[in-house]
C-alpha atoms as a PDB file:
ATOM      1  CA  MET A   1       0.000   0.000   0.000  1.00  0.00           C
ATOM      2  CA  THR A   2       2.807   2.418   0.839  1.00  0.00           C
ATOM      3  CA  GLU A   3       4.551   1.923  -2.519  1.00  0.00           C
ATOM      4  CA  ILE A   4       1.323   2.486  -4.441  1.00  0.00           C
ATOM      5  CA  GLY A   5       0.478   5.492  -2.267  1.00  0.00           C
ATOM      6  CA  ASN A   6       3.888   7.013  -2.950  1.00  0.00           C
ATOM      7  CA  GLU A   7       3.468   6.452  -6.679  1.00  0.00           C
ATOM      8  CA  ILE A   8       0.151   8.305  -6.813  1.00  0.00           C
ATOM      9  CA  GLY A   9       1.146  10.990  -4.305  1.00  0.00           C
ATOM     10  CA  VAL A  10      -0.854   9.971  -1.237  1.00  0.00           C
ATOM     11  CA  SER A  11       0.770  11.072   2.003  1.00  0.00           C
ATOM     12  CA  PRO A  12       1.268   8.532   4.804  1.00  0.00           C
ATOM     13  CA  ALA A  13      -1.059  10.574   7.040  1.00  0.00           C
ATOM     14  CA  THR A  14      -3.856  10.442   4.450  1.00  0.00           C
ATOM     15  CA  ALA A  15      -3.387   6.706   4.027  1.00  0.00           C
ATOM     16  CA  ALA A  16      -3.508   6.217   7.814  1.00  0.00           C
ATOM     17  CA  LEU A  17      -6.712   8.264   8.045  1.00  0.00           C
ATOM     18  CA  ALA A  18      -8.311   6.191   5.292  1.00  0.00           C
ATOM     19  CA  ARG A  19      -7.374   2.951   7.083  1.00  0.00           C
ATOM     20  CA  TYR A  20      -8.765   4.303  10.366  1.00  0.00           C
ATOM     21  CA  ARG A  21     -12.056   5.438   8.864  1.00  0.00           C
ATOM     22  CA  HIS A  22     -12.520   2.246   6.881  1.00  0.00           C
ATOM     23  CA  GLY A  23     -11.805   0.038   9.884  1.00  0.00           C
ATOM     24  CA  ARG A  24     -14.159   1.688  12.380  1.00  0.00           C
ATOM     25  CA  THR A  25     -16.879  -0.486  13.812  1.00  0.00           C
ATOM     26  CA  ALA A  26     -20.570   0.301  13.727  1.00  0.00           C
ATOM     27  CA  SER A  27     -21.938   2.695  16.340  1.00  0.00           C
ATOM     28  CA  ASN A  28     -23.778   1.488  19.408  1.00  0.00           C
ATOM     29  CA  VAL A  29     -27.548   1.692  19.126  1.00  0.00           C
ATOM     30  CA  GLN A  30     -28.730   5.003  20.567  1.00  0.00           C
ATOM     31  CA  ALA A  31     -32.247   5.545  19.215  1.00  0.00           C
ATOM     32  CA  ALA A  32     -34.926   4.008  17.013  1.00  0.00           C
ATOM     33  CA  ILE A  33     -36.157   4.750  13.520  1.00  0.00           C
ATOM     34  CA  ALA A  34     -39.797   3.861  12.905  1.00  0.00           C
ATOM     35  CA  TRP A  35     -40.726   1.515  10.090  1.00  0.00           C
ATOM     36  CA  ILE A  36     -44.435   2.214   9.649  1.00  0.00           C
ATOM     37  CA  ASN A  37     -46.264  -0.837   8.354  1.00  0.00           C
ATOM     38  CA  CYS A  38     -49.672   0.046   6.870  1.00  0.00           C
ATOM     39  CA  TRP A  39     -50.276  -3.234   5.026  1.00  0.00           C
ATOM     40  CA  PRO A  40     -53.766  -4.735   5.454  1.00  0.00           C
ATOM     41  CA  GLY A  41     -52.078  -7.953   6.657  1.00  0.00           C
ATOM     42  CA  PRO A  42     -49.050  -6.538   8.549  1.00  0.00           C
ATOM     43  CA  LYS A  43     -47.434  -9.931   9.172  1.00  0.00           C
ATOM     44  CA  GLU A  44     -47.404 -10.601   5.421  1.00  0.00           C
ATOM     45  CA  LEU A  45     -45.161  -7.624   4.598  1.00  0.00           C
ATOM     46  CA  ARG A  46     -41.887  -9.371   5.437  1.00  0.00           C
ATOM     47  CA  SER A  47     -42.963 -12.553   3.633  1.00  0.00           C
ATOM     48  CA  ASP A  48     -42.651 -10.563   0.385  1.00  0.00           C
ATOM     49  CA  ARG A  49     -39.037 -11.050  -0.738  1.00  0.00           C
ATOM     50  CA  GLU A  50     -38.682  -7.501  -2.075  1.00  0.00           C
ATOM     51  CA  PHE A  51     -39.983  -5.826   1.070  1.00  0.00           C
ATOM     52  CA  ASP A  52     -37.954  -8.138   3.283  1.00  0.00           C
ATOM     53  CA  GLY A  53     -34.877  -6.905   1.394  1.00  0.00           C
ATOM     54  CA  TYR A  54     -35.936  -3.317   2.074  1.00  0.00           C
ATOM     55  CA  TRP A  55     -36.267  -4.141   5.769  1.00  0.00           C
ATOM     56  CA  GLU A  56     -32.873  -5.855   5.938  1.00  0.00           C
ATOM     57  CA  GLY A  57     -31.147  -2.981   4.127  1.00  0.00           C
ATOM     58  CA  ALA A  58     -32.827  -0.349   6.288  1.00  0.00           C
ATOM     59  CA  ALA A  59     -31.984  -2.240   9.483  1.00  0.00           C
ATOM     60  CA  GLU A  60     -28.341  -2.597   8.441  1.00  0.00           C
ATOM     61  CA  ALA A  61     -28.035   1.086   7.515  1.00  0.00           C
ATOM     62  CA  ALA A  62     -29.754   2.158  10.732  1.00  0.00           C
ATOM     63  CA  GLN A  63     -27.374   0.073  12.830  1.00  0.00           C
ATOM     64  CA  LYS A  64     -24.364   1.432  10.969  1.00  0.00           C
ATOM     65  CA  PHE A  65     -25.346   4.955  12.010  1.00  0.00           C
ATOM     66  CA  GLY A  66     -26.231   4.120  15.603  1.00  0.00           C
ATOM     67  CA  TYR A  67     -29.953   3.430  15.353  1.00  0.00           C
ATOM     68  CA  ARG A  68     -32.216   0.414  15.470  1.00  0.00           C
ATOM     69  CA  LEU A  69     -35.149  -0.135  13.148  1.00  0.00           C
ATOM     70  CA  GLU A  70     -38.436  -0.578  15.003  1.00  0.00           C
ATOM     71  CA  GLU A  71     -41.586  -1.697  13.248  1.00  0.00           C
ATOM     72  CA  PHE A  72     -44.805   0.113  14.060  1.00  0.00           C
ATOM     73  CA  VAL A  73     -47.938  -1.592  12.789  1.00  0.00           C
ATOM     74  CA  ALA A  74     -50.472   1.109  11.975  1.00  0.00           C
ATOM     75  CA  GLY A  75     -53.998   0.065  12.755  1.00  0.00           C
ATOM     76  CA  PRO A  76     -57.069   1.217  10.871  1.00  0.00           C
ATOM     77  CA  ALA A  77     -57.005   4.545  12.691  1.00  0.00           C
ATOM     78  CA  LEU A  78     -53.826   6.379  11.728  1.00  0.00           C
ATOM     79  CA  THR A  79     -54.364   8.775  14.626  1.00  0.00           C
ATOM     80  CA  SER A  80     -52.792   6.134  16.863  1.00  0.00           C
ATOM     81  CA  ILE A  81     -49.460   6.709  15.115  1.00  0.00           C
ATOM     82  CA  SER A  82     -49.033  10.274  16.315  1.00  0.00           C
ATOM     83  CA  SER A  83     -49.783   9.471  19.979  1.00  0.00           C
ATOM     84  CA  TYR A  84     -47.441   6.486  19.855  1.00  0.00           C
ATOM     85  CA  LEU A  85     -44.584   8.411  18.262  1.00  0.00           C
ATOM     86  CA  PHE A  86     -44.911  11.363  20.622  1.00  0.00           C
ATOM     87  CA  THR A  87     -44.425   9.040  23.598  1.00  0.00           C
ATOM     88  CA  ARG A  88     -41.209   7.657  22.110  1.00  0.00           C
END
């Protein structure tokens, strides 16, 4: 890495910073991000392969930035969402 860095003009300090930033671990979970599920059959959402992929990607990205993904199943009355979220 050092030889290549020297050839393209990358300083040792810049290379060290890049290694440090690339090697950092994910943040500890500090807060939640709501995944609002409004499907008529809420338990069926994750059985859909495409939406399960969305969930997995969102959960991974949330964890990377120090959050956890929390599913909120919205009932027929969407007014319950606001009272629930305000208490969080």
